Amino acid sequence: MVRVTDDEGLRVVTLDRPDARNALTPEMLDDLAAAVTGADGPVVLIRGAGEAFCAGADLPTVAEAATDEPSARAFVEHGQETMTRIAEADAAVIAGVDGAARGGGVELALACDIRVATPDATFAEPGVTFGLFGAWGGTVRLPAAVGTSHAADLSLSGRVVDSETAREMGLVSRVVADPRTVATELASNDADALRAVASLAGVDRTEREAAEREAFVDLLVERADALAEHRKG
């Protein structure tokens, strides 16, 4: 469900679960992290198959994680670890967002060094609409990307923004017809310099993520019944 192709210094990692809008299962998280960190070339492009970039976490997985506290903790730690591995990868990682990015899909994009979007891209952190929030590094990386005011607006409203609004906020740096053109542009630069710049982009976020994790675990366990009903629907 994660497809990888390599071409002249550029690795393209495609989330390939279009029927589920590329929602991330635990196996996909592992495959995604391995694909990014295992790249030999200096540039990685992450994109989604079909009409969505990524709908976030797989809902059946979320409902299963809500059954008890250890499961909830393992769920959020797994997601955080994956996003941190992507954020700290040696390669320069680009999120090429085409279509919907929701929840964990936004957090995946935020873990990348560069986010570019097509005119059809949309973004939202809808967790508050069903009693949760983005806990795969979202409360750390979103304010860093767009500032505290925009981050609070997105996180507290759950509203959907289009690609131009996302660019104005700083959530994406460019709106382009094809994100691969940006990835190819980067891959034409010096490989060692690219890796050096990418490695310096990470910041220490351990303490903040720990607080995020505890808050999310509490919410997830409290909402086990509601999530189970949501899964049935």
Foldseek 3Di string as FASTA:
>chain_A
DWDWDDDQQEIEIELEDVVQLSADDLVNLVVLLCRQQVDPHQEYEYAYPDQFGYAYHDLVQLLVLLQDLVSLLVVLVSLLVSLQSQLQHLHQYEYETGHEQEQRSLSNRLSGPAYEYAQRYKYAFQCVVQFATRQSCLVPRVCVQQNDVVSCVRGVVRDMDTRVVCCVRRSHVYHDNGCVVVRVVVSVDDSVVRSVVSNVRDDDCVVVSVVSSVVRSVRSNVCSVVSVVVVVD
